[in-house]
Amino acid sequence: MTQLIVLSVLGTDRPGIVDDITKVILACGGNIDESRMTALGKEFAMLLLISGNWHTLSKLEASLDKLAATNNLTVTMKKTDLREDTKECMPYGVDIVCLDEPGIVFSLANFFASRKIEISELVTRRYAAAHTGAPMFSLQMSINLPGSVHISQLRDEFMEICDQLNLDALLEPVKP
């Protein structure tokens, strides 16, 4: 019977870190179903959904503990189940570009949470504007709108908060 675990790995970024971790997963008989990996400052972070039988996951835990100890990694594993289907929801994408200021992510997360709208994915990035060097901020978000949401009303409210925060924003359906 297939079991699922979520694996998080955090460590100092270096060439070969992905190779080391995926080699252990493969050697233990695990399969990477989903993953997110990125460098954050000088650190490297990984989130993986791994499937395997109970024996695979047991071997994986011991092997990753050994890898963590010898490579100064922080490894966390958590058993999980398949995600419930979101058939009653419509996937939408949010894109934001603005001058960087504290509180942007909180304001948007609060906006959607207060309307019971799930954020399924969130990616942010800070960068310098091309000609001026001004600190800029970009955000891409995937949300799941319940069928009961009035999209035109939500769009109006979303654009209003974006105007208040001086955000250049888009709220569009995700096309398959």
Protein backbone atom coordinates (compact mmCIF):
# COMPACT_ATOMS: atom_id res chain seq x y z
CA MET A 1 0.00 0.00 0.00
CA THR A 2 1.41 3.37 -1.04
CA GLN A 3 2.07 5.88 1.68
CA LEU A 4 2.95 9.58 1.38
CA ILE A 5 5.32 11.79 3.32
CA VAL A 6 6.17 15.44 3.05
CA LEU A 7 9.90 16.00 3.33
CA SER A 8 11.45 19.38 4.04
CA VAL A 9 15.20 19.93 3.77
CA LEU A 10 17.09 23.10 4.64
CA GLY A 11 20.82 23.61 4.37
CA THR A 12 23.59 25.82 3.08
CA ASP A 13 23.36 26.06 -0.71
CA ARG A 14 26.07 24.22 -2.62
CA PRO A 15 26.45 22.34 -5.89
CA GLY A 16 25.29 18.73 -5.55
CA ILE A 17 22.78 19.17 -2.73
CA VAL A 18 19.84 18.08 -4.94
CA ASP A 19 21.88 15.12 -6.19
CA ASP A 20 22.69 13.98 -2.65
CA ILE A 21 19.08 14.11 -1.46
CA THR A 22 17.48 12.58 -4.55
CA LYS A 23 20.08 9.80 -4.56
CA VAL A 24 19.01 8.79 -1.03
CA ILE A 25 15.32 8.91 -1.98
CA LEU A 26 15.89 6.70 -5.03
CA ALA A 27 18.15 4.26 -3.15
CA CYS A 28 15.41 3.76 -0.55
CA GLY A 29 12.79 3.08 -3.25
CA GLY A 30 10.96 6.38 -2.85
CA ASN A 31 9.35 8.35 -5.66
CA ILE A 32 9.18 12.15 -5.80
CA ASP A 33 5.57 12.97 -6.68
CA GLU A 34 5.83 16.76 -6.24
CA SER A 35 8.61 19.14 -5.28
CA ARG A 36 9.59 22.75 -4.77
CA MET A 37 13.23 23.70 -4.47
CA THR A 38 14.85 27.12 -4.23
CA ALA A 39 17.83 29.07 -2.94
CA LEU A 40 16.91 31.62 -0.26
CA GLY A 41 19.87 33.82 0.58
CA LYS A 42 22.76 31.42 1.16
CA GLU A 43 20.39 28.59 2.14
CA PHE A 44 18.74 25.96 -0.03
CA ALA A 45 15.21 24.78 0.77
CA MET A 46 13.34 21.76 -0.56
CA LEU A 47 9.79 20.57 -0.08
CA LEU A 48 8.97 17.18 -1.53
CA LEU A 49 5.99 14.85 -1.57
CA ILE A 50 7.39 11.34 -1.61
CA SER A 51 5.48 8.11 -2.14
CA GLY A 52 6.51 4.60 -1.19
CA ASN A 53 5.53 1.66 0.95
CA TRP A 54 6.02 1.62 4.73
CA HIS A 55 9.43 -0.10 4.36
CA THR A 56 10.63 2.57 1.91
CA LEU A 57 9.65 5.36 4.26
CA SER A 58 11.29 3.65 7.22
CA LYS A 59 14.58 3.24 5.30
CA LEU A 60 14.29 6.81 4.05
CA GLU A 61 14.00 8.22 7.56
CA ALA A 62 17.20 6.48 8.71
CA SER A 63 19.13 7.36 5.54
CA LEU A 64 18.09 11.01 5.60
CA ASP A 65 19.04 11.32 9.28
CA LYS A 66 22.53 10.09 8.37
CA LEU A 67 22.74 12.47 5.37
CA ALA A 68 21.56 15.38 7.54
CA ALA A 69 24.18 14.71 10.20
CA THR A 70 27.07 14.50 7.73
CA ASN A 71 25.99 17.51 5.60
CA ASN A 72 24.65 19.96 8.20
CA LEU A 73 21.07 19.72 6.90
CA THR A 74 17.80 20.14 8.74
CA VAL A 75 15.41 17.41 7.61
CA THR A 76 11.77 17.05 8.64
CA MET A 77 9.40 14.30 7.57
CA LYS A 78 5.65 14.16 8.06
CA LYS A 79 3.20 11.47 6.99
CA THR A 80 0.30 12.78 4.91
CA ASP A 81 -2.62 11.65 2.75
CA LEU A 82 -3.82 12.57 -0.71
CA ARG A 83 -5.31 16.04 -0.96
CA GLU A 84 -9.08 16.23 -1.20
CA ASP A 85 -10.41 17.09 -4.64
CA THR A 86 -11.28 20.75 -5.24
CA LYS A 87 -13.93 20.11 -7.94
CA GLU A 88 -16.19 22.80 -6.52
CA CYS A 89 -13.44 25.41 -6.88
CA MET A 90 -12.21 27.49 -9.79
CA PRO A 91 -8.43 27.98 -10.06
CA TYR A 92 -7.35 31.62 -10.41
CA GLY A 93 -3.95 33.26 -10.65
CA VAL A 94 -2.87 36.49 -8.97
CA ASP A 95 0.10 38.51 -10.25
CA ILE A 96 1.41 41.54 -8.38
CA VAL A 97 4.26 43.96 -9.12
CA CYS A 98 4.99 46.95 -6.89
CA LEU A 99 7.57 48.89 -4.96
CA ASP A 100 8.70 46.72 -2.07
CA GLU A 101 7.13 47.54 1.29
CA PRO A 102 6.55 45.45 4.41
CA GLY A 103 3.12 43.87 4.77
CA ILE A 104 2.20 43.13 1.14
CA VAL A 105 1.99 39.35 1.59
CA PHE A 106 0.08 39.75 4.86
CA SER A 107 -2.44 42.17 3.30
CA LEU A 108 -3.16 39.83 0.39
CA ALA A 109 -3.27 36.70 2.57
CA ASN A 110 -5.66 38.49 4.94
CA PHE A 111 -7.85 39.62 2.02
CA PHE A 112 -8.30 36.06 0.74
CA ALA A 113 -8.52 34.40 4.18
CA SER A 114 -11.30 36.76 5.26
CA ARG A 115 -13.27 35.53 2.24
CA LYS A 116 -12.51 31.83 2.91
CA ILE A 117 -10.44 31.58 -0.29
CA GLU A 118 -7.60 29.06 -0.24
CA ILE A 119 -4.11 30.06 -1.37
CA SER A 120 -2.66 26.93 -2.93
CA GLU A 121 0.70 28.35 -4.02
CA LEU A 122 2.63 31.54 -3.36
CA VAL A 123 5.93 32.74 -4.82
CA THR A 124 7.52 36.11 -4.09
CA ARG A 125 10.69 37.81 -5.21
CA ARG A 126 12.46 41.06 -4.38
CA TYR A 127 14.63 42.70 -7.05
CA ALA A 128 16.06 46.06 -8.16
CA ALA A 129 14.22 48.03 -10.87
CA ALA A 130 16.06 48.12 -14.19
CA HIS A 131 17.01 51.80 -14.56
CA THR A 132 16.43 53.28 -11.12
CA GLY A 133 17.51 50.46 -8.83
CA ALA A 134 14.36 50.97 -6.73
CA PRO A 135 13.45 47.95 -4.56
CA MET A 136 10.68 46.08 -6.39
CA PHE A 137 8.50 43.17 -5.32
CA SER A 138 6.69 40.57 -7.39
CA LEU A 139 4.17 37.99 -6.22
CA GLN A 140 2.52 35.11 -8.03
CA MET A 141 -0.26 33.28 -6.25
CA SER A 142 -2.60 30.44 -7.12
CA ILE A 143 -5.96 30.51 -5.38
CA ASN A 144 -9.03 28.26 -5.41
CA LEU A 145 -12.30 30.18 -5.63
CA PRO A 146 -15.34 28.38 -4.23
CA GLY A 147 -18.23 28.20 -6.70
CA SER A 148 -20.27 30.42 -4.38
CA VAL A 149 -17.94 33.41 -4.88
CA HIS A 150 -19.29 36.22 -7.04
CA ILE A 151 -16.26 36.79 -9.25
CA SER A 152 -17.11 40.32 -10.38
CA GLN A 153 -17.61 41.44 -6.77
CA LEU A 154 -14.39 39.72 -5.69
CA ARG A 155 -12.49 41.33 -8.57
CA ASP A 156 -13.82 44.80 -7.61
CA GLU A 157 -12.85 44.31 -3.95
CA PHE A 158 -9.45 42.92 -4.95
CA MET A 159 -8.71 45.84 -7.26
CA GLU A 160 -9.80 48.26 -4.52
CA ILE A 161 -7.33 46.86 -2.00
CA CYS A 162 -4.62 46.80 -4.67
CA ASP A 163 -5.29 50.48 -5.41
CA GLN A 164 -5.07 51.28 -1.68
CA LEU A 165 -1.72 49.45 -1.45
CA ASN A 166 -0.45 50.84 -4.78
CA LEU A 167 -0.08 47.38 -6.33
CA ASP A 168 -0.12 46.68 -10.05
CA ALA A 169 -2.30 43.55 -10.06
CA LEU A 170 -4.03 40.91 -12.17
CA LEU A 171 -6.65 38.37 -11.09
CA GLU A 172 -7.34 35.90 -13.87
CA PRO A 173 -8.67 32.38 -14.31
CA VAL A 174 -6.02 29.71 -14.80
CA LYS A 175 -6.33 28.33 -18.29
CA PRO A 176 -5.74 24.58 -18.67
